[in-house]
Each structure stands twice: as structure tokens, then as C-alpha cells.
PDB file of N, CA and C in Angstrom:
ATOM      1  N   UNK A   1     -12.855   9.267 -39.055  1.00  0.00           N
ATOM      2  CA  UNK A   1     -13.616  10.647 -38.743  1.00  0.00           C
ATOM      3  C   UNK A   1     -12.390  11.307 -38.140  1.00  0.00           C
ATOM      4  N   UNK A   2     -12.228  12.562 -38.613  1.00  0.00           N
ATOM      5  CA  UNK A   2     -11.171  13.475 -38.312  1.00  0.00           C
ATOM      6  C   UNK A   2     -11.591  14.794 -37.468  1.00  0.00           C
ATOM      7  N   UNK A   3     -11.488  14.846 -36.580  1.00  0.00           N
ATOM      8  CA  UNK A   3     -11.779  16.111 -35.670  1.00  0.00           C
ATOM      9  C   UNK A   3     -10.838  16.964 -35.673  1.00  0.00           C
ATOM     10  N   UNK A   4     -11.413  18.420 -35.474  1.00  0.00           N
ATOM     11  CA  UNK A   4     -10.543  19.334 -35.238  1.00  0.00           C
ATOM     12  C   UNK A   4      -9.767  19.439 -34.186  1.00  0.00           C
ATOM     13  N   UNK A   5      -8.124  19.698 -34.131  1.00  0.00           N
ATOM     14  CA  UNK A   5      -7.700  20.019 -32.807  1.00  0.00           C
ATOM     15  C   UNK A   5      -6.965  21.261 -32.534  1.00  0.00           C
ATOM     16  N   UNK A   6      -7.309  21.866 -31.090  1.00  0.00           N
ATOM     17  CA  UNK A   6      -6.519  22.871 -30.759  1.00  0.00           C
ATOM     18  C   UNK A   6      -5.660  22.929 -29.611  1.00  0.00           C
ATOM     19  N   UNK A   7      -4.435  23.197 -30.154  1.00  0.00           N
ATOM     20  CA  UNK A   7      -3.373  23.228 -29.279  1.00  0.00           C
ATOM     21  C   UNK A   7      -3.214  24.515 -28.189  1.00  0.00           C
ATOM     22  N   UNK A   8      -4.097  25.661 -28.057  1.00  0.00           N
ATOM     23  CA  UNK A   8      -3.799  26.606 -27.611  1.00  0.00           C
ATOM     24  C   UNK A   8      -4.423  26.507 -26.497  1.00  0.00           C
ATOM     25  N   UNK A   9      -4.029  27.432 -25.182  1.00  0.00           N
ATOM     26  CA  UNK A   9      -5.160  27.529 -23.946  1.00  0.00           C
ATOM     27  C   UNK A   9      -5.733  29.119 -23.899  1.00  0.00           C
ATOM     28  N   UNK A  10      -6.878  29.394 -23.578  1.00  0.00           N
ATOM     29  CA  UNK A  10      -7.215  30.528 -23.418  1.00  0.00           C
ATOM     30  C   UNK A  10      -6.807  31.092 -22.214  1.00  0.00           C
ATOM     31  N   UNK A  11      -6.457  32.713 -22.209  1.00  0.00           N
ATOM     32  CA  UNK A  11      -5.372  33.519 -21.201  1.00  0.00           C
ATOM     33  C   UNK A  11      -6.236  32.974 -19.934  1.00  0.00           C
ATOM     34  N   UNK A  12      -5.042  32.497 -19.027  1.00  0.00           N
ATOM     35  CA  UNK A  12      -5.406  32.357 -17.874  1.00  0.00           C
ATOM     36  C   UNK A  12      -6.222  30.956 -17.704  1.00  0.00           C
ATOM     37  N   UNK A  13      -6.527  30.302 -18.434  1.00  0.00           N
ATOM     38  CA  UNK A  13      -7.015  28.674 -18.544  1.00  0.00           C
ATOM     39  C   UNK A  13      -5.428  27.800 -18.147  1.00  0.00           C
ATOM     40  N   UNK A  14      -5.749  27.095 -17.044  1.00  0.00           N
ATOM     41  CA  UNK A  14      -4.609  26.170 -17.059  1.00  0.00           C
ATOM     42  C   UNK A  14      -4.878  24.838 -17.682  1.00  0.00           C
ATOM     43  N   UNK A  15      -3.615  24.439 -18.186  1.00  0.00           N
ATOM     44  CA  UNK A  15      -3.905  23.070 -19.006  1.00  0.00           C
ATOM     45  C   UNK A  15      -4.004  21.805 -18.059  1.00  0.00           C
ATOM     46  N   UNK A  16      -4.662  20.893 -18.686  1.00  0.00           N
ATOM     47  CA  UNK A  16      -4.792  20.049 -17.563  1.00  0.00           C
ATOM     48  C   UNK A  16      -3.678  18.817 -17.069  1.00  0.00           C
ATOM     49  N   UNK A  17      -3.621  18.448 -15.691  1.00  0.00           N
ATOM     50  CA  UNK A  17      -2.305  17.498 -15.292  1.00  0.00           C
ATOM     51  C   UNK A  17      -2.160  16.654 -15.679  1.00  0.00           C
ATOM     52  N   UNK A  18      -1.736  16.133 -17.071  1.00  0.00           N
ATOM     53  CA  UNK A  18      -1.814  15.094 -17.838  1.00  0.00           C
ATOM     54  C   UNK A  18      -0.296  14.282 -17.440  1.00  0.00           C
ATOM     55  N   UNK A  19       0.646  14.849 -16.992  1.00  0.00           N
ATOM     56  CA  UNK A  19       1.910  14.322 -16.998  1.00  0.00           C
ATOM     57  C   UNK A  19       2.141  13.192 -15.613  1.00  0.00           C
ATOM     58  N   UNK A  20       2.213  11.908 -16.239  1.00  0.00           N
ATOM     59  CA  UNK A  20       2.276  10.902 -14.923  1.00  0.00           C
ATOM     60  C   UNK A  20       2.071   9.510 -15.796  1.00  0.00           C
ATOM     61  N   UNK A  21       1.749   8.486 -15.148  1.00  0.00           N
ATOM     62  CA  UNK A  21       1.344   7.153 -15.217  1.00  0.00           C
ATOM     63  C   UNK A  21       0.035   7.105 -15.018  1.00  0.00           C
ATOM     64  N   UNK A  22      -0.737   6.209 -16.190  1.00  0.00           N
ATOM     65  CA  UNK A  22      -2.142   6.239 -16.527  1.00  0.00           C
ATOM     66  C   UNK A  22      -2.535   4.741 -16.656  1.00  0.00           C
ATOM     67  N   UNK A  23      -3.518   4.087 -16.481  1.00  0.00           N
ATOM     68  CA  UNK A  23      -3.555   2.650 -16.602  1.00  0.00           C
ATOM     69  C   UNK A  23      -5.017   2.198 -16.680  1.00  0.00           C
ATOM     70  N   UNK A  24      -5.566   1.599 -17.808  1.00  0.00           N
ATOM     71  CA  UNK A  24      -6.683   1.140 -17.482  1.00  0.00           C
ATOM     72  C   UNK A  24      -6.512  -0.248 -17.430  1.00  0.00           C
ATOM     73  N   UNK A  25      -7.554  -1.600 -17.642  1.00  0.00           N
ATOM     74  CA  UNK A  25      -7.648  -2.875 -17.737  1.00  0.00           C
ATOM     75  C   UNK A  25      -6.685  -3.332 -18.712  1.00  0.00           C
ATOM     76  N   UNK A  26      -6.634  -2.819 -19.781  1.00  0.00           N
ATOM     77  CA  UNK A  26      -6.356  -3.256 -20.855  1.00  0.00           C
ATOM     78  C   UNK A  26      -4.692  -2.645 -21.725  1.00  0.00           C
ATOM     79  N   UNK A  27      -4.635  -1.561 -21.057  1.00  0.00           N
ATOM     80  CA  UNK A  27      -3.497  -0.339 -21.372  1.00  0.00           C
ATOM     81  C   UNK A  27      -3.158   0.473 -20.813  1.00  0.00           C
ATOM     82  N   UNK A  28      -2.031   0.959 -20.792  1.00  0.00           N
ATOM     83  CA  UNK A  28      -1.020   1.887 -20.055  1.00  0.00           C
ATOM     84  C   UNK A  28      -0.665   2.777 -21.094  1.00  0.00           C
ATOM     85  N   UNK A  29      -0.480   4.042 -20.188  1.00  0.00           N
ATOM     86  CA  UNK A  29       0.456   5.328 -21.006  1.00  0.00           C
ATOM     87  C   UNK A  29       1.081   6.269 -19.860  1.00  0.00           C
ATOM     88  N   UNK A  30       2.351   6.359 -20.062  1.00  0.00           N
ATOM     89  CA  UNK A  30       3.062   7.443 -19.301  1.00  0.00           C
ATOM     90  C   UNK A  30       3.258   8.636 -19.913  1.00  0.00           C
ATOM     91  N   UNK A  31       2.894   9.813 -19.742  1.00  0.00           N
ATOM     92  CA  UNK A  31       3.284  11.254 -20.168  1.00  0.00           C
ATOM     93  C   UNK A  31       4.258  11.815 -19.476  1.00  0.00           C
ATOM     94  N   UNK A  32       5.343  12.149 -19.947  1.00  0.00           N
ATOM     95  CA  UNK A  32       6.974  12.595 -19.383  1.00  0.00           C
ATOM     96  C   UNK A  32       6.780  13.921 -19.773  1.00  0.00           C
ATOM     97  N   UNK A  33       7.220  14.889 -18.626  1.00  0.00           N
ATOM     98  CA  UNK A  33       7.619  16.445 -18.672  1.00  0.00           C
ATOM     99  C   UNK A  33       8.769  16.118 -20.187  1.00  0.00           C
ATOM    100  N   UNK A  34       8.537  17.227 -20.984  1.00  0.00           N
ATOM    101  CA  UNK A  34       9.206  17.310 -22.084  1.00  0.00           C
ATOM    102  C   UNK A  34       8.712  16.989 -23.267  1.00  0.00           C
ATOM    103  N   UNK A  35       7.311  16.645 -23.094  1.00  0.00           N
ATOM    104  CA  UNK A  35       6.834  16.084 -24.418  1.00  0.00           C
ATOM    105  C   UNK A  35       6.894  14.963 -24.947  1.00  0.00           C
ATOM    106  N   UNK A  36       7.647  14.123 -24.153  1.00  0.00           N
ATOM    107  CA  UNK A  36       7.950  12.478 -24.429  1.00  0.00           C
ATOM    108  C   UNK A  36       6.831  11.620 -23.709  1.00  0.00           C
ATOM    109  N   UNK A  37       6.641  10.398 -24.485  1.00  0.00           N
ATOM    110  CA  UNK A  37       6.109   9.581 -23.718  1.00  0.00           C
ATOM    111  C   UNK A  37       7.138   8.638 -23.090  1.00  0.00           C
ATOM    112  N   UNK A  38       6.936   7.903 -21.795  1.00  0.00           N
ATOM    113  CA  UNK A  38       7.466   6.796 -21.206  1.00  0.00           C
ATOM    114  C   UNK A  38       6.885   5.498 -21.820  1.00  0.00           C
ATOM    115  N   UNK A  39       6.733   4.847 -20.876  1.00  0.00           N
ATOM    116  CA  UNK A  39       6.514   3.221 -21.391  1.00  0.00           C
ATOM    117  C   UNK A  39       4.862   3.585 -21.536  1.00  0.00           C
ATOM    118  N   UNK A  40       4.683   2.801 -22.794  1.00  0.00           N
ATOM    119  CA  UNK A  40       3.252   2.675 -23.299  1.00  0.00           C
ATOM    120  C   UNK A  40       2.854   1.555 -23.809  1.00  0.00           C
ATOM    121  N   UNK A  41       1.992   0.826 -23.536  1.00  0.00           N
ATOM    122  CA  UNK A  41       1.226  -0.761 -24.015  1.00  0.00           C
ATOM    123  C   UNK A  41      -0.542  -0.110 -24.421  1.00  0.00           C
ATOM    124  N   UNK A  42      -0.666  -0.494 -25.356  1.00  0.00           N
ATOM    125  CA  UNK A  42      -1.553  -0.310 -25.949  1.00  0.00           C
ATOM    126  C   UNK A  42      -2.382  -1.674 -26.896  1.00  0.00           C
ATOM    127  N   UNK A  43      -3.694  -1.877 -27.058  1.00  0.00           N
ATOM    128  CA  UNK A  43      -4.106  -2.951 -27.910  1.00  0.00           C
ATOM    129  C   UNK A  43      -3.965  -2.388 -29.237  1.00  0.00           C
ATOM    130  N   UNK A  44      -3.450  -3.365 -30.158  1.00  0.00           N
ATOM    131  CA  UNK A  44      -3.020  -2.907 -31.567  1.00  0.00           C
ATOM    132  C   UNK A  44      -4.323  -1.967 -32.104  1.00  0.00           C
ATOM    133  N   UNK A  45      -5.392  -2.481 -31.884  1.00  0.00           N
ATOM    134  CA  UNK A  45      -6.949  -1.869 -32.389  1.00  0.00           C
ATOM    135  C   UNK A  45      -7.104  -0.327 -32.095  1.00  0.00           C
ATOM    136  N   UNK A  46      -6.179   0.140 -30.866  1.00  0.00           N
ATOM    137  CA  UNK A  46      -6.417   1.584 -30.392  1.00  0.00           C
ATOM    138  C   UNK A  46      -5.503   2.466 -31.261  1.00  0.00           C
ATOM    139  N   UNK A  47      -4.812   1.437 -32.111  1.00  0.00           N
ATOM    140  CA  UNK A  47      -3.652   2.439 -32.939  1.00  0.00           C
ATOM    141  C   UNK A  47      -4.110   1.716 -34.547  1.00  0.00           C
ATOM    142  N   UNK A  48      -5.111   1.965 -34.781  1.00  0.00           N
ATOM    143  CA  UNK A  48      -5.682   1.338 -36.176  1.00  0.00           C
ATOM    144  C   UNK A  48      -4.912  -0.200 -36.411  1.00  0.00           C
ATOM    145  N   UNK A  49      -4.858  -0.894 -35.769  1.00  0.00           N
ATOM    146  CA  UNK A  49      -4.230  -2.584 -35.894  1.00  0.00           C
ATOM    147  C   UNK A  49      -5.160  -3.208 -35.832  1.00  0.00           C
ATOM    148  N   UNK A  50      -4.935  -4.608 -35.544  1.00  0.00           N
ATOM    149  CA  UNK A  50      -5.763  -5.672 -35.563  1.00  0.00           C
ATOM    150  C   UNK A  50      -6.788  -5.910 -34.575  1.00  0.00           C
ATOM    151  N   UNK A  51      -7.405  -6.559 -34.356  1.00  0.00           N
ATOM    152  CA  UNK A  51      -8.343  -6.737 -33.032  1.00  0.00           C
ATOM    153  C   UNK A  51      -7.710  -7.907 -31.705  1.00  0.00           C
ATOM    154  N   UNK A  52      -6.268  -8.042 -32.063  1.00  0.00           N
ATOM    155  CA  UNK A  52      -5.571  -8.807 -31.231  1.00  0.00           C
ATOM    156  C   UNK A  52      -5.807  -8.324 -29.612  1.00  0.00           C
ATOM    157  N   UNK A  53      -5.844  -9.051 -28.708  1.00  0.00           N
ATOM    158  CA  UNK A  53      -6.130  -9.019 -27.334  1.00  0.00           C
ATOM    159  C   UNK A  53      -4.800  -8.709 -26.290  1.00  0.00           C
ATOM    160  N   UNK A  54      -3.615  -8.643 -27.387  1.00  0.00           N
ATOM    161  CA  UNK A  54      -2.396  -8.606 -26.791  1.00  0.00           C
ATOM    162  C   UNK A  54      -1.867  -7.233 -27.305  1.00  0.00           C
ATOM    163  N   UNK A  55      -1.471  -6.671 -25.813  1.00  0.00           N
ATOM    164  CA  UNK A  55      -0.989  -5.494 -26.004  1.00  0.00           C
ATOM    165  C   UNK A  55       0.143  -5.110 -26.639  1.00  0.00           C
ATOM    166  N   UNK A  56       0.722  -3.857 -27.558  1.00  0.00           N
ATOM    167  CA  UNK A  56       1.791  -3.652 -27.918  1.00  0.00           C
ATOM    168  C   UNK A  56       2.533  -2.700 -27.461  1.00  0.00           C
ATOM    169  N   UNK A  57       3.969  -2.381 -27.463  1.00  0.00           N
ATOM    170  CA  UNK A  57       4.682  -1.309 -26.939  1.00  0.00           C
ATOM    171  C   UNK A  57       4.591  -0.240 -27.845  1.00  0.00           C
ATOM    172  N   UNK A  58       4.511   0.885 -27.447  1.00  0.00           N
ATOM    173  CA  UNK A  58       4.798   1.980 -28.497  1.00  0.00           C
ATOM    174  C   UNK A  58       5.709   3.179 -27.753  1.00  0.00           C
ATOM    175  N   UNK A  59       6.308   4.158 -28.523  1.00  0.00           N
ATOM    176  CA  UNK A  59       7.053   5.028 -28.208  1.00  0.00           C
ATOM    177  C   UNK A  59       6.373   6.489 -28.848  1.00  0.00           C
ATOM    178  N   UNK A  60       6.804   7.507 -28.409  1.00  0.00           N
ATOM    179  CA  UNK A  60       6.423   8.859 -29.271  1.00  0.00           C
ATOM    180  C   UNK A  60       6.353  10.255 -28.412  1.00  0.00           C
ATOM    181  N   UNK A  61       5.590  10.769 -28.718  1.00  0.00           N
ATOM    182  CA  UNK A  61       5.628  12.360 -27.983  1.00  0.00           C
ATOM    183  C   UNK A  61       4.277  12.877 -27.811  1.00  0.00           C
ATOM    184  N   UNK A  62       4.161  13.654 -27.144  1.00  0.00           N
ATOM    185  CA  UNK A  62       2.671  14.228 -26.890  1.00  0.00           C
ATOM    186  C   UNK A  62       2.832  15.622 -26.933  1.00  0.00           C
ATOM    187  N   UNK A  63       1.406  16.301 -27.027  1.00  0.00           N
ATOM    188  CA  UNK A  63       1.283  17.909 -26.995  1.00  0.00           C
ATOM    189  C   UNK A  63      -0.042  17.983 -26.346  1.00  0.00           C
ATOM    190  N   UNK A  64      -0.265  19.022 -25.578  1.00  0.00           N
ATOM    191  CA  UNK A  64      -1.414  19.687 -24.703  1.00  0.00           C
ATOM    192  C   UNK A  64      -2.254  19.965 -26.150  1.00  0.00           C
ATOM    193  N   UNK A  65      -3.486  19.334 -25.994  1.00  0.00           N
ATOM    194  CA  UNK A  65      -4.546  19.761 -27.134  1.00  0.00           C
ATOM    195  C   UNK A  65      -5.683  19.788 -26.430  1.00  0.00           C
ATOM    196  N   UNK A  66      -7.308  20.408 -27.420  1.00  0.00           N
ATOM    197  CA  UNK A  66      -8.208  20.386 -26.888  1.00  0.00           C
ATOM    198  C   UNK A  66      -9.426  19.997 -27.997  1.00  0.00           C
ATOM    199  N   UNK A  67     -10.033  19.414 -27.993  1.00  0.00           N
ATOM    200  CA  UNK A  67     -11.350  18.759 -29.102  1.00  0.00           C
ATOM    201  C   UNK A  67     -12.542  19.986 -28.760  1.00  0.00           C
ATOM    202  N   UNK A  68     -12.787  20.727 -29.635  1.00  0.00           N
ATOM    203  CA  UNK A  68     -13.847  21.265 -29.361  1.00  0.00           C
ATOM    204  C   UNK A  68     -15.361  20.776 -28.928  1.00  0.00           C
ATOM    205  N   UNK A  69     -15.736  19.455 -29.145  1.00  0.00           N
ATOM    206  CA  UNK A  69     -16.707  18.907 -28.554  1.00  0.00           C
ATOM    207  C   UNK A  69     -16.227  17.734 -27.354  1.00  0.00           C
ATOM    208  N   UNK A  70     -15.121  17.654 -26.935  1.00  0.00           N
ATOM    209  CA  UNK A  70     -14.339  17.079 -26.004  1.00  0.00           C
ATOM    210  C   UNK A  70     -13.785  17.613 -24.811  1.00  0.00           C
ATOM    211  N   UNK A  71     -13.355  18.791 -24.923  1.00  0.00           N
ATOM    212  CA  UNK A  71     -12.589  19.556 -23.891  1.00  0.00           C
ATOM    213  C   UNK A  71     -10.956  19.282 -24.147  1.00  0.00           C
ATOM    214  N   UNK A  72     -10.419  19.678 -22.823  1.00  0.00           N
ATOM    215  CA  UNK A  72      -9.035  19.591 -22.965  1.00  0.00           C
ATOM    216  C   UNK A  72      -8.331  18.163 -22.557  1.00  0.00           C
ATOM    217  N   UNK A  73      -7.093  18.048 -23.182  1.00  0.00           N
ATOM    218  CA  UNK A  73      -6.328  16.383 -22.905  1.00  0.00           C
ATOM    219  C   UNK A  73      -4.828  16.888 -23.355  1.00  0.00           C
ATOM    220  N   UNK A  74      -4.769  15.809 -24.064  1.00  0.00           N
ATOM    221  CA  UNK A  74      -3.432  15.442 -24.612  1.00  0.00           C
ATOM    222  C   UNK A  74      -3.515  14.902 -25.968  1.00  0.00           C
ATOM    223  N   UNK A  75      -2.871  14.985 -27.109  1.00  0.00           N
ATOM    224  CA  UNK A  75      -2.553  14.501 -27.941  1.00  0.00           C
ATOM    225  C   UNK A  75      -1.301  13.757 -28.230  1.00  0.00           C
ATOM    226  N   UNK A  76      -1.411  12.181 -28.403  1.00  0.00           N
ATOM    227  CA  UNK A  76      -0.363  11.344 -28.457  1.00  0.00           C
ATOM    228  C   UNK A  76       0.315  11.091 -30.117  1.00  0.00           C
ATOM    229  N   UNK A  77       1.096  10.916 -30.108  1.00  0.00           N
ATOM    230  CA  UNK A  77       1.522  10.903 -31.511  1.00  0.00           C
ATOM    231  C   UNK A  77       2.541   9.465 -31.150  1.00  0.00           C
ATOM    232  N   UNK A  78       1.761   8.019 -31.751  1.00  0.00           N
ATOM    233  CA  UNK A  78       2.235   6.940 -31.404  1.00  0.00           C
ATOM    234  C   UNK A  78       2.857   5.801 -32.639  1.00  0.00           C
ATOM    235  N   UNK A  79       4.283   5.281 -32.018  1.00  0.00           N
ATOM    236  CA  UNK A  79       4.523   4.615 -33.114  1.00  0.00           C
ATOM    237  C   UNK A  79       4.934   3.461 -32.808  1.00  0.00           C
ATOM    238  N   UNK A  80       4.449   2.185 -32.730  1.00  0.00           N
ATOM    239  CA  UNK A  80       4.681   0.529 -32.303  1.00  0.00           C
ATOM    240  C   UNK A  80       6.520   0.428 -32.312  1.00  0.00           C
ATOM    241  N   UNK A  81       6.968   0.031 -31.262  1.00  0.00           N
ATOM    242  CA  UNK A  81       8.392  -0.246 -31.222  1.00  0.00           C
ATOM    243  C   UNK A  81       8.687  -1.294 -32.448  1.00  0.00           C
ATOM    244  N   UNK A  82       7.969  -2.207 -33.063  1.00  0.00           N
ATOM    245  CA  UNK A  82       7.960  -2.864 -34.124  1.00  0.00           C
ATOM    246  C   UNK A  82       7.799  -1.927 -35.393  1.00  0.00           C
ATOM    247  N   UNK A  83       7.532  -0.818 -35.476  1.00  0.00           N
ATOM    248  CA  UNK A  83       7.275   0.047 -36.584  1.00  0.00           C
ATOM    249  C   UNK A  83       6.172  -0.235 -37.342  1.00  0.00           C
ATOM    250  N   UNK A  84       5.136  -1.412 -37.221  1.00  0.00           N
ATOM    251  CA  UNK A  84       4.085  -1.460 -38.117  1.00  0.00           C
ATOM    252  C   UNK A  84       3.089  -0.581 -37.861  1.00  0.00           C
ATOM    253  N   UNK A  85       2.821   0.088 -36.492  1.00  0.00           N
ATOM    254  CA  UNK A  85       1.571   1.097 -36.317  1.00  0.00           C
ATOM    255  C   UNK A  85       1.789   2.311 -36.212  1.00  0.00           C
ATOM    256  N   UNK A  86       1.492   3.442 -36.584  1.00  0.00           N
ATOM    257  CA  UNK A  86       1.364   4.638 -36.205  1.00  0.00           C
ATOM    258  C   UNK A  86       0.196   5.358 -36.448  1.00  0.00           C
ATOM    259  N   UNK A  87      -0.104   5.854 -35.258  1.00  0.00           N
ATOM    260  CA  UNK A  87      -1.540   6.886 -35.284  1.00  0.00           C
ATOM    261  C   UNK A  87      -1.075   8.152 -34.286  1.00  0.00           C
ATOM    262  N   UNK A  88      -2.280   9.143 -34.305  1.00  0.00           N
ATOM    263  CA  UNK A  88      -2.492  10.015 -33.552  1.00  0.00           C
ATOM    264  C   UNK A  88      -3.798   9.949 -32.663  1.00  0.00           C
ATOM    265  N   UNK A  89      -3.542   9.956 -31.375  1.00  0.00           N
ATOM    266  CA  UNK A  89      -4.697   9.777 -30.367  1.00  0.00           C
ATOM    267  C   UNK A  89      -4.889  10.836 -29.692  1.00  0.00           C
ATOM    268  N   UNK A  90      -5.995  11.284 -29.536  1.00  0.00           N
ATOM    269  CA  UNK A  90      -6.434  12.304 -28.529  1.00  0.00           C
ATOM    270  C   UNK A  90      -6.896  11.550 -26.754  1.00  0.00           C
ATOM    271  N   UNK A  91      -6.511  11.851 -26.094  1.00  0.00           N
ATOM    272  CA  UNK A  91      -7.034  11.574 -24.427  1.00  0.00           C
ATOM    273  C   UNK A  91      -7.350  12.919 -23.942  1.00  0.00           C
ATOM    274  N   UNK A  92      -8.642  12.437 -23.623  1.00  0.00           N
ATOM    275  CA  UNK A  92      -9.495  13.513 -22.925  1.00  0.00           C
ATOM    276  C   UNK A  92      -9.480  13.699 -21.429  1.00  0.00           C
ATOM    277  N   UNK A  93      -9.166  14.639 -20.878  1.00  0.00           N
ATOM    278  CA  UNK A  93      -8.769  14.849 -19.241  1.00  0.00           C
ATOM    279  C   UNK A  93     -10.155  15.229 -18.365  1.00  0.00           C
ATOM    280  N   UNK A  94     -10.307  14.304 -17.581  1.00  0.00           N
ATOM    281  CA  UNK A  94     -11.602  14.660 -16.806  1.00  0.00           C
ATOM    282  C   UNK A  94     -11.226  14.373 -15.381  1.00  0.00           C
ATOM    283  N   UNK A  95     -11.757  14.776 -14.221  1.00  0.00           N
ATOM    284  CA  UNK A  95     -11.534  14.799 -12.883  1.00  0.00           C
ATOM    285  C   UNK A  95     -13.027  14.444 -12.080  1.00  0.00           C
ATOM    286  N   UNK A  96     -13.497  13.633 -11.399  1.00  0.00           N
ATOM    287  CA  UNK A  96     -14.594  13.077 -11.105  1.00  0.00           C
ATOM    288  C   UNK A  96     -14.080  12.691  -9.450  1.00  0.00           C
ATOM    289  N   UNK A  97     -15.186  13.359  -8.738  1.00  0.00           N
ATOM    290  CA  UNK A  97     -14.940  12.865  -6.883  1.00  0.00           C
ATOM    291  C   UNK A  97     -13.138  12.383  -6.659  1.00  0.00           C
ATOM    292  N   UNK A  98     -12.674  13.409  -7.201  1.00  0.00           N
ATOM    293  CA  UNK A  98     -11.102  13.368  -6.877  1.00  0.00           C
ATOM    294  C   UNK A  98     -10.365  12.752  -7.381  1.00  0.00           C
ATOM    295  N   UNK A  99     -10.738  11.738  -8.608  1.00  0.00           N
ATOM    296  CA  UNK A  99     -10.141  10.802  -9.427  1.00  0.00           C
ATOM    297  C   UNK A  99     -10.093  11.349 -10.678  1.00  0.00           C
ATOM    298  N   UNK A 100      -8.399  11.542 -11.234  1.00  0.00           N
ATOM    299  CA  UNK A 100      -8.146  12.116 -12.392  1.00  0.00           C
ATOM    300  C   UNK A 100      -8.350  10.912 -13.581  1.00  0.00           C
ATOM    301  N   UNK A 101      -8.848  11.087 -14.600  1.00  0.00           N
ATOM    302  CA  UNK A 101      -8.878  10.090 -15.931  1.00  0.00           C
ATOM    303  C   UNK A 101      -8.562  10.525 -17.052  1.00  0.00           C
ATOM    304  N   UNK A 102      -8.244  10.040 -17.947  1.00  0.00           N
ATOM    305  CA  UNK A 102      -8.200  10.170 -19.433  1.00  0.00           C
ATOM    306  C   UNK A 102      -8.739   9.234 -20.289  1.00  0.00           C
ATOM    307  N   UNK A 103      -9.562   9.539 -20.928  1.00  0.00           N
ATOM    308  CA  UNK A 103     -10.438   8.890 -22.124  1.00  0.00           C
ATOM    309  C   UNK A 103      -9.808   9.025 -23.653  1.00  0.00           C
ATOM    310  N   UNK A 104      -9.493   8.054 -24.198  1.00  0.00           N
ATOM    311  CA  UNK A 104      -8.965   8.028 -25.468  1.00  0.00           C
ATOM    312  C   UNK A 104     -10.212   8.273 -26.399  1.00  0.00           C
ATOM    313  N   UNK A 105      -9.963   8.817 -27.304  1.00  0.00           N
ATOM    314  CA  UNK A 105     -11.217   9.112 -28.299  1.00  0.00           C
ATOM    315  C   UNK A 105     -10.888   8.474 -29.653  1.00  0.00           C
ATOM    316  N   UNK A 106     -12.200   8.267 -30.243  1.00  0.00           N
ATOM    317  CA  UNK A 106     -11.834   7.833 -31.752  1.00  0.00           C
ATOM    318  C   UNK A 106     -11.189   6.596 -32.027  1.00  0.00           C
ATOM    319  N   UNK A 107     -11.459   5.772 -30.774  1.00  0.00           N
ATOM    320  CA  UNK A 107     -11.490   4.564 -30.970  1.00  0.00           C
ATOM    321  C   UNK A 107     -12.611   3.374 -30.497  1.00  0.00           C
ATOM    322  N   UNK A 108     -12.748   2.327 -30.972  1.00  0.00           N
ATOM    323  CA  UNK A 108     -13.674   1.113 -30.636  1.00  0.00           C
ATOM    324  C   UNK A 108     -13.067   0.501 -29.507  1.00  0.00           C
ATOM    325  N   UNK A 109     -12.027   0.237 -29.691  1.00  0.00           N
ATOM    326  CA  UNK A 109     -11.378  -0.912 -28.660  1.00  0.00           C
ATOM    327  C   UNK A 109     -10.792  -0.080 -27.150  1.00  0.00           C
ATOM    328  N   UNK A 110     -10.761  -0.744 -25.974  1.00  0.00           N
ATOM    329  CA  UNK A 110     -10.371  -0.102 -24.900  1.00  0.00           C
ATOM    330  C   UNK A 110     -10.967   1.246 -24.606  1.00  0.00           C
ATOM    331  N   UNK A 111     -12.319   1.376 -24.561  1.00  0.00           N
ATOM    332  CA  UNK A 111     -13.269   2.650 -24.535  1.00  0.00           C
ATOM    333  C   UNK A 111     -13.217   2.555 -22.661  1.00  0.00           C
ATOM    334  N   UNK A 112     -12.779   2.015 -21.938  1.00  0.00           N
ATOM    335  CA  UNK A 112     -12.262   1.984 -20.511  1.00  0.00           C
ATOM    336  C   UNK A 112     -11.696   3.467 -20.185  1.00  0.00           C
ATOM    337  N   UNK A 113     -11.882   4.121 -19.511  1.00  0.00           N
ATOM    338  CA  UNK A 113     -10.897   5.513 -19.088  1.00  0.00           C
ATOM    339  C   UNK A 113      -9.733   4.939 -18.488  1.00  0.00           C
ATOM    340  N   UNK A 114      -8.527   5.714 -18.272  1.00  0.00           N
ATOM    341  CA  UNK A 114      -7.294   5.297 -18.018  1.00  0.00           C
ATOM    342  C   UNK A 114      -7.202   6.470 -16.674  1.00  0.00           C
ATOM    343  N   UNK A 115      -6.821   5.728 -15.208  1.00  0.00           N
ATOM    344  CA  UNK A 115      -6.662   6.408 -14.450  1.00  0.00           C
ATOM    345  C   UNK A 115      -5.206   6.477 -14.065  1.00  0.00           C
ATOM    346  N   UNK A 116      -5.020   7.349 -13.055  1.00  0.00           N
ATOM    347  CA  UNK A 116      -3.648   7.711 -12.411  1.00  0.00           C
ATOM    348  C   UNK A 116      -3.315   6.456 -11.686  1.00  0.00           C
ATOM    349  N   UNK A 117      -1.821   5.749 -12.120  1.00  0.00           N
ATOM    350  CA  UNK A 117      -1.231   4.737 -11.033  1.00  0.00           C
ATOM    351  C   UNK A 117      -0.955   5.452 -10.113  1.00  0.00           C
TER     352      UNK A 117
END
């Protein structure tokens, strides 16, 4: 399923603070200034791979984005270090009780939210 992405922000709307390191129990991702990704470790199924429980290292870039039905966040363009997996994933941003979180959308694996390290 392909969801429409919008990468613009409305006038006066602050973009979500996604820059930094984020971790779930099975994966991690680091959004750096300059739209680059730092250390990324995801399960293969999170990027159209097999259902292996062993995390894979990725590289890539990101941009701010917004899904009409999910809200603001970041779009990560991911390529495995081995080069066999490539995908684009949306990370929805949210905050609850002072805790920021990112939720990867469009995947069955790793539905647990990422929290700031």
C-alpha cells in the first residue's frame, strides 16, 4: 500500500524534532543534521526483507514528511550495507507525557515505537 507523502510544512508550523538517536527493543535509527542517517540497525522485514530476527545495518538519508492520516515525521530512504535491501519508510513523530517517540509505518515487523536514546 502506497500512502501519499507531503514534505512541506504549513506557515508557522514547527517541524517535529526528529534529529537524534532513537531505539526500540529490536532496532535503532539515528537522524543526523544535514538529512543524513547515522547508525541504523533494523530487522530485514522492516525493509521488505525476510523475517529474520537478526538486525541488519543500513545507510541512507532522510527528509521531513507528513502523512495525511498519520501526521508529521520523517521519511527515511534506506539501503542495507550489503546492498540487497532498499526501501523508503515513514517514521511518525509523537510525544506523550514528556516522552518523544517515532513509529515506523507500513510494516508488520517491529511495531514497537522508537524512543529517544
